[in-house]
């Protein structure tokens, strides 16, 4: 078995297997065993549960998941790592079909998976983390619990509240489905190779709320599109793409008034409930 806790032994293993770390895939192995243990335990999955894992690398967190009796569906893009994972977690090595490997770009492959898996774990590559989480949410692929490691700045955006400098459309997107709880800062020294920034572990717990109106996500993106513009100006741009200029102006004024939102307010100061209320108003108007 690979020693996942040693950068030097991982380097030797990679050299022996003629594998390289590819920057384009954002590959960084989590070599701190205490951090890995915390992330796996926080997931809260029990024997027999299925877990989706994105970015398994060489299997540092895959192994304990399987040892807990979980069924792991892992998504990996690197052909060299795929070869190693198939060997390590093969039926012949005693894993008896509990490990399934989905090969290729997860952004392209996840939608083909029809299981009702409730758990998600990922040491997510920096270059796809936010896009993947947003894709899940907008396409209504929800999990009961998600535990992810992401770049610290991304984690702060995920958990940000209205009025803070980190608050963005991504913050609202996450809040539409999940309660977001930062777990820990993970220093760059916990990875091999070391990234240039610190990471953060994050827990996302499904709020089991009613689905947002279809107009919700495009509306939120539009209202944040030009952060220096007022709600009125961004809202008008959004409405004008669907209605004539005069009608858009009338609708804008009426909806803002109905929701008691000052037309000179900015999106960064509206909380999730305010965005949801705006979307419901538009839904009632069949926009």
C-alpha atoms as a PDB file:
ATOM      1  CA  UNK A   1       0.000   0.000   0.000  1.00  0.00           C
ATOM      2  CA  UNK A   2       1.178   3.540  -0.689  1.00  0.00           C
ATOM      3  CA  UNK A   3       2.368   5.674   2.249  1.00  0.00           C
ATOM      4  CA  UNK A   4       0.032   8.620   1.737  1.00  0.00           C
ATOM      5  CA  UNK A   5       1.631  10.584   4.608  1.00  0.00           C
ATOM      6  CA  UNK A   6       5.109  10.983   3.133  1.00  0.00           C
ATOM      7  CA  UNK A   7       5.935  13.443   0.367  1.00  0.00           C
ATOM      8  CA  UNK A   8       9.252  11.693  -0.319  1.00  0.00           C
ATOM      9  CA  UNK A   9       7.644   8.249  -0.619  1.00  0.00           C
ATOM     10  CA  UNK A  10       4.900   9.613  -2.849  1.00  0.00           C
ATOM     11  CA  UNK A  11       7.565  11.181  -5.040  1.00  0.00           C
ATOM     12  CA  UNK A  12       9.394   7.862  -5.254  1.00  0.00           C
ATOM     13  CA  UNK A  13       6.170   6.031  -6.094  1.00  0.00           C
ATOM     14  CA  UNK A  14       5.379   8.495  -8.866  1.00  0.00           C
ATOM     15  CA  UNK A  15       8.876   8.090 -10.304  1.00  0.00           C
ATOM     16  CA  UNK A  16       8.645   4.292 -10.135  1.00  0.00           C
ATOM     17  CA  UNK A  17       5.271   4.292 -11.904  1.00  0.00           C
ATOM     18  CA  UNK A  18       6.488   6.926 -14.376  1.00  0.00           C
ATOM     19  CA  UNK A  19       3.732   9.298 -13.334  1.00  0.00           C
ATOM     20  CA  UNK A  20       3.852  13.070 -13.284  1.00  0.00           C
ATOM     21  CA  UNK A  21       1.804  15.725 -11.497  1.00  0.00           C
ATOM     22  CA  UNK A  22      -0.109  17.702 -14.092  1.00  0.00           C
ATOM     23  CA  UNK A  23      -0.630  21.339 -13.230  1.00  0.00           C
ATOM     24  CA  UNK A  24      -3.599  21.605 -15.607  1.00  0.00           C
ATOM     25  CA  UNK A  25      -5.495  19.140 -13.373  1.00  0.00           C
ATOM     26  CA  UNK A  26      -4.741  21.065 -10.161  1.00  0.00           C
ATOM     27  CA  UNK A  27      -3.262  17.987  -8.464  1.00  0.00           C
ATOM     28  CA  UNK A  28      -2.151  18.217  -4.832  1.00  0.00           C
ATOM     29  CA  UNK A  29      -2.105  15.166  -2.531  1.00  0.00           C
ATOM     30  CA  UNK A  30      -3.370  15.701   1.024  1.00  0.00           C
ATOM     31  CA  UNK A  31      -0.568  14.147   3.077  1.00  0.00           C
ATOM     32  CA  UNK A  32      -1.733  15.152   6.577  1.00  0.00           C
ATOM     33  CA  UNK A  33      -3.432  12.030   8.038  1.00  0.00           C
ATOM     34  CA  UNK A  34      -5.211  13.937  10.822  1.00  0.00           C
ATOM     35  CA  UNK A  35      -6.867  16.252   8.300  1.00  0.00           C
ATOM     36  CA  UNK A  36      -7.906  13.334   6.090  1.00  0.00           C
ATOM     37  CA  UNK A  37      -9.364  11.521   9.124  1.00  0.00           C
ATOM     38  CA  UNK A  38     -11.385  14.583  10.132  1.00  0.00           C
ATOM     39  CA  UNK A  39     -12.775  15.066   6.623  1.00  0.00           C
ATOM     40  CA  UNK A  40     -13.824  11.420   6.279  1.00  0.00           C
ATOM     41  CA  UNK A  41     -15.406  11.307   9.743  1.00  0.00           C
ATOM     42  CA  UNK A  42     -17.245  14.594   9.202  1.00  0.00           C
ATOM     43  CA  UNK A  43     -18.956  13.121   6.148  1.00  0.00           C
ATOM     44  CA  UNK A  44     -21.055  10.983   8.463  1.00  0.00           C
ATOM     45  CA  UNK A  45     -21.661   8.151   5.992  1.00  0.00           C
ATOM     46  CA  UNK A  46     -22.350   4.666   7.370  1.00  0.00           C
ATOM     47  CA  UNK A  47     -21.615   1.120   6.230  1.00  0.00           C
ATOM     48  CA  UNK A  48     -23.315   0.399   2.914  1.00  0.00           C
ATOM     49  CA  UNK A  49     -23.782   4.056   1.953  1.00  0.00           C
ATOM     50  CA  UNK A  50     -22.566   5.254  -1.429  1.00  0.00           C
ATOM     51  CA  UNK A  51     -20.130   8.159  -1.638  1.00  0.00           C
ATOM     52  CA  UNK A  52     -19.088  10.151  -4.666  1.00  0.00           C
ATOM     53  CA  UNK A  53     -15.435  11.144  -4.500  1.00  0.00           C
ATOM     54  CA  UNK A  54     -13.934  13.671  -6.888  1.00  0.00           C
ATOM     55  CA  UNK A  55     -10.170  13.966  -7.160  1.00  0.00           C
ATOM     56  CA  UNK A  56      -9.146  10.664  -5.524  1.00  0.00           C
ATOM     57  CA  UNK A  57      -5.582  11.013  -6.805  1.00  0.00           C
ATOM     58  CA  UNK A  58      -3.852   7.840  -5.632  1.00  0.00           C
ATOM     59  CA  UNK A  59      -6.602   6.957  -3.145  1.00  0.00           C
ATOM     60  CA  UNK A  60      -5.555   8.570   0.158  1.00  0.00           C
ATOM     61  CA  UNK A  61      -9.156   9.147   1.225  1.00  0.00           C
ATOM     62  CA  UNK A  62     -10.634   6.405  -0.943  1.00  0.00           C
ATOM     63  CA  UNK A  63      -8.934   3.751   1.181  1.00  0.00           C
ATOM     64  CA  UNK A  64     -10.496   4.722   4.549  1.00  0.00           C
ATOM     65  CA  UNK A  65     -13.900   5.133   2.911  1.00  0.00           C
ATOM     66  CA  UNK A  66     -13.728   1.573   1.600  1.00  0.00           C
ATOM     67  CA  UNK A  67     -12.391   0.295   4.919  1.00  0.00           C
ATOM     68  CA  UNK A  68     -15.538   1.740   6.545  1.00  0.00           C
ATOM     69  CA  UNK A  69     -17.663  -0.455   4.288  1.00  0.00           C
ATOM     70  CA  UNK A  70     -18.793   2.371   2.025  1.00  0.00           C
ATOM     71  CA  UNK A  71     -19.397   2.094  -1.698  1.00  0.00           C
ATOM     72  CA  UNK A  72     -17.174   4.612  -3.467  1.00  0.00           C
ATOM     73  CA  UNK A  73     -17.806   6.031  -6.909  1.00  0.00           C
ATOM     74  CA  UNK A  74     -14.624   7.938  -7.746  1.00  0.00           C
ATOM     75  CA  UNK A  75     -14.193  10.433 -10.591  1.00  0.00           C
ATOM     76  CA  UNK A  76     -10.665  10.747 -11.949  1.00  0.00           C
ATOM     77  CA  UNK A  77      -9.322  12.414 -15.091  1.00  0.00           C
ATOM     78  CA  UNK A  78      -5.613  11.497 -14.960  1.00  0.00           C
ATOM     79  CA  UNK A  79      -4.930   8.330 -16.994  1.00  0.00           C
ATOM     80  CA  UNK A  80      -1.892   7.417 -14.920  1.00  0.00           C
ATOM     81  CA  UNK A  81      -3.777   7.720 -11.637  1.00  0.00           C
ATOM     82  CA  UNK A  82      -6.654   5.742 -13.161  1.00  0.00           C
ATOM     83  CA  UNK A  83      -4.278   2.867 -13.831  1.00  0.00           C
ATOM     84  CA  UNK A  84      -2.983   2.927 -10.252  1.00  0.00           C
ATOM     85  CA  UNK A  85      -6.457   3.199  -8.703  1.00  0.00           C
ATOM     86  CA  UNK A  86      -7.733   0.242 -10.716  1.00  0.00           C
ATOM     87  CA  UNK A  87      -4.854  -1.831  -9.424  1.00  0.00           C
ATOM     88  CA  UNK A  88      -5.001  -0.773  -5.759  1.00  0.00           C
ATOM     89  CA  UNK A  89      -8.760  -1.071  -5.342  1.00  0.00           C
ATOM     90  CA  UNK A  90      -9.320  -4.100  -7.521  1.00  0.00           C
ATOM     91  CA  UNK A  91     -11.578  -7.037  -6.759  1.00  0.00           C
ATOM     92  CA  UNK A  92      -8.458  -9.193  -6.426  1.00  0.00           C
ATOM     93  CA  UNK A  93      -7.228  -6.951  -3.601  1.00  0.00           C
ATOM     94  CA  UNK A  94     -10.389  -7.612  -1.625  1.00  0.00           C
ATOM     95  CA  UNK A  95     -12.603  -4.648  -2.461  1.00  0.00           C
ATOM     96  CA  UNK A  96     -15.370  -6.841  -3.908  1.00  0.00           C
ATOM     97  CA  UNK A  97     -17.016  -4.363  -6.207  1.00  0.00           C
ATOM     98  CA  UNK A  98     -17.397  -1.543  -3.674  1.00  0.00           C
ATOM     99  CA  UNK A  99     -15.128   0.671  -5.772  1.00  0.00           C
ATOM    100  CA  UNK A 100     -16.335   2.130  -9.068  1.00  0.00           C
ATOM    101  CA  UNK A 101     -14.103   4.382 -11.134  1.00  0.00           C
ATOM    102  CA  UNK A 102     -15.580   6.954 -13.523  1.00  0.00           C
ATOM    103  CA  UNK A 103     -12.903   7.982 -15.995  1.00  0.00           C
ATOM    104  CA  UNK A 104     -12.641  11.431 -17.545  1.00  0.00           C
ATOM    105  CA  UNK A 105     -13.534  15.029 -16.773  1.00  0.00           C
ATOM    106  CA  UNK A 106     -16.080  15.059 -13.934  1.00  0.00           C
ATOM    107  CA  UNK A 107     -17.699  18.170 -15.425  1.00  0.00           C
ATOM    108  CA  UNK A 108     -18.653  15.979 -18.393  1.00  0.00           C
ATOM    109  CA  UNK A 109     -19.234  12.607 -16.723  1.00  0.00           C
ATOM    110  CA  UNK A 110     -21.222  13.210 -13.543  1.00  0.00           C
ATOM    111  CA  UNK A 111     -24.548  13.771 -15.284  1.00  0.00           C
ATOM    112  CA  UNK A 112     -24.455  10.224 -16.667  1.00  0.00           C
ATOM    113  CA  UNK A 113     -24.608   8.824 -13.130  1.00  0.00           C
ATOM    114  CA  UNK A 114     -28.194   8.099 -12.103  1.00  0.00           C
ATOM    115  CA  UNK A 115     -27.686   6.925  -8.516  1.00  0.00           C
ATOM    116  CA  UNK A 116     -29.372   8.691  -5.606  1.00  0.00           C
ATOM    117  CA  UNK A 117     -26.083   8.969  -3.701  1.00  0.00           C
ATOM    118  CA  UNK A 118     -26.424  11.198  -0.621  1.00  0.00           C
ATOM    119  CA  UNK A 119     -22.757  11.779   0.244  1.00  0.00           C
ATOM    120  CA  UNK A 120     -19.955  13.621  -1.520  1.00  0.00           C
ATOM    121  CA  UNK A 121     -16.284  13.930  -0.606  1.00  0.00           C
ATOM    122  CA  UNK A 122     -13.649  15.752  -2.567  1.00  0.00           C
ATOM    123  CA  UNK A 123     -10.163  17.176  -2.288  1.00  0.00           C
ATOM    124  CA  UNK A 124     -11.240  19.317  -5.203  1.00  0.00           C
ATOM    125  CA  UNK A 125      -8.799  20.604  -7.798  1.00  0.00           C
ATOM    126  CA  UNK A 126      -8.622  24.384  -7.482  1.00  0.00           C
ATOM    127  CA  UNK A 127      -9.342  24.891 -11.166  1.00  0.00           C
ATOM    128  CA  UNK A 128     -12.783  23.224 -11.116  1.00  0.00           C
ATOM    129  CA  UNK A 129     -14.028  23.437  -7.517  1.00  0.00           C
ATOM    130  CA  UNK A 130     -16.411  26.398  -7.759  1.00  0.00           C
ATOM    131  CA  UNK A 131     -17.615  25.477 -11.247  1.00  0.00           C
ATOM    132  CA  UNK A 132     -18.372  21.884 -10.222  1.00  0.00           C
ATOM    133  CA  UNK A 133     -20.275  22.830  -7.068  1.00  0.00           C
ATOM    134  CA  UNK A 134     -22.261  25.432  -8.998  1.00  0.00           C
ATOM    135  CA  UNK A 135     -23.013  22.893 -11.730  1.00  0.00           C
ATOM    136  CA  UNK A 136     -24.384  20.421  -9.182  1.00  0.00           C
ATOM    137  CA  UNK A 137     -26.640  23.039  -7.627  1.00  0.00           C
ATOM    138  CA  UNK A 138     -27.964  24.607 -10.820  1.00  0.00           C
ATOM    139  CA  UNK A 139     -28.702  21.182 -12.290  1.00  0.00           C
ATOM    140  CA  UNK A 140     -30.371  20.097  -9.036  1.00  0.00           C
ATOM    141  CA  UNK A 141     -27.921  17.321  -8.162  1.00  0.00           C
ATOM    142  CA  UNK A 142     -28.149  17.688  -4.409  1.00  0.00           C
ATOM    143  CA  UNK A 143     -26.401  15.681  -1.677  1.00  0.00           C
ATOM    144  CA  UNK A 144     -27.389  15.304   1.973  1.00  0.00           C
ATOM    145  CA  UNK A 145     -23.837  16.068   3.089  1.00  0.00           C
ATOM    146  CA  UNK A 146     -20.800  17.248   1.203  1.00  0.00           C
ATOM    147  CA  UNK A 147     -17.294  17.579   2.617  1.00  0.00           C
ATOM    148  CA  UNK A 148     -14.798  19.315   0.360  1.00  0.00           C
ATOM    149  CA  UNK A 149     -11.386  20.905   0.486  1.00  0.00           C
ATOM    150  CA  UNK A 150     -11.099  23.986  -1.664  1.00  0.00           C
ATOM    151  CA  UNK A 151      -8.886  27.022  -1.964  1.00  0.00           C
ATOM    152  CA  UNK A 152      -9.375  29.185   1.125  1.00  0.00           C
ATOM    153  CA  UNK A 153     -10.684  32.116  -0.906  1.00  0.00           C
ATOM    154  CA  UNK A 154     -13.324  29.887  -2.522  1.00  0.00           C
ATOM    155  CA  UNK A 155     -14.380  28.571   0.897  1.00  0.00           C
ATOM    156  CA  UNK A 156     -14.789  32.101   2.209  1.00  0.00           C
ATOM    157  CA  UNK A 157     -17.025  32.933  -0.750  1.00  0.00           C
ATOM    158  CA  UNK A 158     -19.086  29.804  -0.163  1.00  0.00           C
ATOM    159  CA  UNK A 159     -19.795  30.725   3.447  1.00  0.00           C
ATOM    160  CA  UNK A 160     -19.966  34.533   3.096  1.00  0.00           C
ATOM    161  CA  UNK A 161     -22.941  36.502   4.363  1.00  0.00           C
ATOM    162  CA  UNK A 162     -24.562  39.576   2.850  1.00  0.00           C
ATOM    163  CA  UNK A 163     -22.522  42.746   3.268  1.00  0.00           C
ATOM    164  CA  UNK A 164     -19.124  41.057   3.481  1.00  0.00           C
ATOM    165  CA  UNK A 165     -16.384  41.548   0.911  1.00  0.00           C
ATOM    166  CA  UNK A 166     -16.420  37.821   0.041  1.00  0.00           C
ATOM    167  CA  UNK A 167     -20.160  37.738  -0.657  1.00  0.00           C
ATOM    168  CA  UNK A 168     -20.983  36.872  -4.270  1.00  0.00           C
ATOM    169  CA  UNK A 169     -23.476  35.108  -6.482  1.00  0.00           C
ATOM    170  CA  UNK A 170     -21.665  31.874  -5.554  1.00  0.00           C
ATOM    171  CA  UNK A 171     -22.440  32.535  -1.878  1.00  0.00           C
ATOM    172  CA  UNK A 172     -26.139  32.867  -2.702  1.00  0.00           C
ATOM    173  CA  UNK A 173     -25.996  29.783  -4.906  1.00  0.00           C
ATOM    174  CA  UNK A 174     -24.592  27.659  -2.064  1.00  0.00           C
ATOM    175  CA  UNK A 175     -27.061  29.117   0.450  1.00  0.00           C
ATOM    176  CA  UNK A 176     -29.975  28.174  -1.798  1.00  0.00           C
ATOM    177  CA  UNK A 177     -29.458  24.493  -0.946  1.00  0.00           C
ATOM    178  CA  UNK A 178     -26.922  24.125   1.858  1.00  0.00           C
ATOM    179  CA  UNK A 179     -25.909  25.335   5.268  1.00  0.00           C
ATOM    180  CA  UNK A 180     -22.203  25.994   4.713  1.00  0.00           C
ATOM    181  CA  UNK A 181     -19.853  25.407   7.645  1.00  0.00           C
ATOM    182  CA  UNK A 182     -16.101  26.013   7.396  1.00  0.00           C
ATOM    183  CA  UNK A 183     -14.300  23.169   9.195  1.00  0.00           C
ATOM    184  CA  UNK A 184     -10.631  24.108   9.301  1.00  0.00           C
ATOM    185  CA  UNK A 185      -7.897  26.001   7.523  1.00  0.00           C
ATOM    186  CA  UNK A 186      -5.562  23.516   5.865  1.00  0.00           C
ATOM    187  CA  UNK A 187      -2.078  24.942   5.524  1.00  0.00           C
ATOM    188  CA  UNK A 188      -0.275  24.501   2.237  1.00  0.00           C
ATOM    189  CA  UNK A 189       2.301  22.303   4.016  1.00  0.00           C
ATOM    190  CA  UNK A 190      -0.423  19.625   4.353  1.00  0.00           C
ATOM    191  CA  UNK A 191      -0.198  18.975   0.607  1.00  0.00           C
ATOM    192  CA  UNK A 192       2.300  17.521  -1.837  1.00  0.00           C
ATOM    193  CA  UNK A 193       3.269  19.293  -3.933  1.00  0.00           C
ATOM    194  CA  UNK A 194       2.645  22.424  -1.889  1.00  0.00           C
ATOM    195  CA  UNK A 195       0.192  24.855  -3.512  1.00  0.00           C
ATOM    196  CA  UNK A 196       0.818  28.582  -3.360  1.00  0.00           C
ATOM    197  CA  UNK A 197      -2.209  29.226  -1.120  1.00  0.00           C
ATOM    198  CA  UNK A 198      -3.886  27.700   1.920  1.00  0.00           C
ATOM    199  CA  UNK A 199      -7.002  25.563   1.630  1.00  0.00           C
ATOM    200  CA  UNK A 200     -10.053  25.055   3.788  1.00  0.00           C
ATOM    201  CA  UNK A 201     -12.246  22.101   4.624  1.00  0.00           C
ATOM    202  CA  UNK A 202     -15.955  22.850   4.262  1.00  0.00           C
ATOM    203  CA  UNK A 203     -19.102  20.968   5.262  1.00  0.00           C
ATOM    204  CA  UNK A 204     -22.278  21.522   3.275  1.00  0.00           C
ATOM    205  CA  UNK A 205     -25.476  20.196   4.882  1.00  0.00           C
ATOM    206  CA  UNK A 206     -28.641  20.087   2.802  1.00  0.00           C
ATOM    207  CA  UNK A 207     -31.354  22.380   4.190  1.00  0.00           C
ATOM    208  CA  UNK A 208     -34.071  20.321   2.463  1.00  0.00           C
ATOM    209  CA  UNK A 209     -35.737  23.559   1.439  1.00  0.00           C
ATOM    210  CA  UNK A 210     -38.239  23.935  -1.374  1.00  0.00           C
ATOM    211  CA  UNK A 211     -36.570  24.251  -4.798  1.00  0.00           C
ATOM    212  CA  UNK A 212     -35.951  27.804  -5.933  1.00  0.00           C
ATOM    213  CA  UNK A 213     -37.924  29.194  -8.896  1.00  0.00           C
ATOM    214  CA  UNK A 214     -36.329  28.561 -12.277  1.00  0.00           C
ATOM    215  CA  UNK A 215     -35.595  32.253 -12.651  1.00  0.00           C
ATOM    216  CA  UNK A 216     -33.658  32.365  -9.358  1.00  0.00           C
ATOM    217  CA  UNK A 217     -30.152  31.447 -10.551  1.00  0.00           C
ATOM    218  CA  UNK A 218     -30.052  33.568 -13.720  1.00  0.00           C
ATOM    219  CA  UNK A 219     -31.491  36.462 -11.695  1.00  0.00           C
ATOM    220  CA  UNK A 220     -28.815  36.193  -8.998  1.00  0.00           C
ATOM    221  CA  UNK A 221     -26.006  36.035 -11.552  1.00  0.00           C
ATOM    222  CA  UNK A 222     -27.395  39.067 -13.332  1.00  0.00           C
ATOM    223  CA  UNK A 223     -27.774  41.140 -10.174  1.00  0.00           C
ATOM    224  CA  UNK A 224     -24.123  40.468  -9.293  1.00  0.00           C
ATOM    225  CA  UNK A 225     -22.891  40.919 -12.864  1.00  0.00           C
ATOM    226  CA  UNK A 226     -21.789  44.529 -12.328  1.00  0.00           C
ATOM    227  CA  UNK A 227     -21.111  44.888  -8.619  1.00  0.00           C
ATOM    228  CA  UNK A 228     -20.720  48.671  -8.768  1.00  0.00           C
ATOM    229  CA  UNK A 229     -24.136  49.138 -10.331  1.00  0.00           C
ATOM    230  CA  UNK A 230     -27.303  49.469  -8.298  1.00  0.00           C
ATOM    231  CA  UNK A 231     -29.938  46.768  -8.022  1.00  0.00           C
ATOM    232  CA  UNK A 232     -32.183  48.813 -10.279  1.00  0.00           C
ATOM    233  CA  UNK A 233     -29.647  49.018 -13.105  1.00  0.00           C
ATOM    234  CA  UNK A 234     -28.702  45.343 -12.989  1.00  0.00           C
ATOM    235  CA  UNK A 235     -32.340  44.318 -12.615  1.00  0.00           C
ATOM    236  CA  UNK A 236     -33.302  46.406 -15.632  1.00  0.00           C
ATOM    237  CA  UNK A 237     -30.600  44.741 -17.706  1.00  0.00           C
ATOM    238  CA  UNK A 238     -31.967  41.342 -16.710  1.00  0.00           C
ATOM    239  CA  UNK A 239     -35.592  42.269 -17.413  1.00  0.00           C
ATOM    240  CA  UNK A 240     -34.774  44.000 -20.701  1.00  0.00           C
ATOM    241  CA  UNK A 241     -33.407  40.707 -22.031  1.00  0.00           C
ATOM    242  CA  UNK A 242     -36.917  39.289 -21.587  1.00  0.00           C
ATOM    243  CA  UNK A 243     -39.226  42.273 -22.054  1.00  0.00           C
ATOM    244  CA  UNK A 244     -39.332  45.596 -23.860  1.00  0.00           C
ATOM    245  CA  UNK A 245     -37.591  48.564 -22.255  1.00  0.00           C
ATOM    246  CA  UNK A 246     -40.783  50.307 -21.066  1.00  0.00           C
ATOM    247  CA  UNK A 247     -42.317  47.124 -19.686  1.00  0.00           C
ATOM    248  CA  UNK A 248     -39.028  46.172 -18.046  1.00  0.00           C
ATOM    249  CA  UNK A 249     -38.905  49.534 -16.251  1.00  0.00           C
ATOM    250  CA  UNK A 250     -42.475  49.126 -14.963  1.00  0.00           C
ATOM    251  CA  UNK A 251     -41.813  45.581 -13.758  1.00  0.00           C
ATOM    252  CA  UNK A 252     -38.545  46.611 -12.119  1.00  0.00           C
ATOM    253  CA  UNK A 253     -40.171  49.390 -10.112  1.00  0.00           C
ATOM    254  CA  UNK A 254     -43.153  47.247  -9.127  1.00  0.00           C
ATOM    255  CA  UNK A 255     -41.097  44.230  -7.998  1.00  0.00           C
ATOM    256  CA  UNK A 256     -38.598  46.295  -6.010  1.00  0.00           C
ATOM    257  CA  UNK A 257     -41.436  48.153  -4.347  1.00  0.00           C
ATOM    258  CA  UNK A 258     -43.306  44.917  -3.587  1.00  0.00           C
ATOM    259  CA  UNK A 259     -40.195  43.551  -1.872  1.00  0.00           C
ATOM    260  CA  UNK A 260     -39.348  46.785  -0.038  1.00  0.00           C
ATOM    261  CA  UNK A 261     -35.930  47.014  -1.719  1.00  0.00           C
ATOM    262  CA  UNK A 262     -34.395  50.417  -2.348  1.00  0.00           C
ATOM    263  CA  UNK A 263     -33.573  50.809  -6.044  1.00  0.00           C
ATOM    264  CA  UNK A 264     -30.156  52.240  -5.096  1.00  0.00           C
ATOM    265  CA  UNK A 265     -29.241  49.168  -3.040  1.00  0.00           C
ATOM    266  CA  UNK A 266     -26.542  46.806  -4.299  1.00  0.00           C
ATOM    267  CA  UNK A 267     -26.716  43.027  -4.635  1.00  0.00           C
ATOM    268  CA  UNK A 268     -23.895  42.473  -2.147  1.00  0.00           C
ATOM    269  CA  UNK A 269     -26.171  43.781   0.629  1.00  0.00           C
ATOM    270  CA  UNK A 270     -29.146  41.498  -0.085  1.00  0.00           C
ATOM    271  CA  UNK A 271     -29.378  38.191   1.767  1.00  0.00           C
ATOM    272  CA  UNK A 272     -30.601  34.902   0.328  1.00  0.00           C
ATOM    273  CA  UNK A 273     -34.195  35.487   1.419  1.00  0.00           C
ATOM    274  CA  UNK A 274     -34.297  38.796  -0.460  1.00  0.00           C
ATOM    275  CA  UNK A 275     -33.123  37.149  -3.687  1.00  0.00           C
ATOM    276  CA  UNK A 276     -35.637  34.347  -3.223  1.00  0.00           C
ATOM    277  CA  UNK A 277     -38.442  36.836  -2.701  1.00  0.00           C
ATOM    278  CA  UNK A 278     -37.507  38.705  -5.880  1.00  0.00           C
ATOM    279  CA  UNK A 279     -37.465  35.447  -7.827  1.00  0.00           C
ATOM    280  CA  UNK A 280     -40.870  34.448  -6.470  1.00  0.00           C
ATOM    281  CA  UNK A 281     -42.308  37.795  -7.529  1.00  0.00           C
ATOM    282  CA  UNK A 282     -41.036  37.221 -11.059  1.00  0.00           C
ATOM    283  CA  UNK A 283     -42.326  33.649 -11.008  1.00  0.00           C
ATOM    284  CA  UNK A 284     -45.788  34.925 -10.073  1.00  0.00           C
ATOM    285  CA  UNK A 285     -45.591  37.253 -13.060  1.00  0.00           C
ATOM    286  CA  UNK A 286     -44.547  34.245 -15.197  1.00  0.00           C
ATOM    287  CA  UNK A 287     -41.191  35.762 -16.118  1.00  0.00           C
END
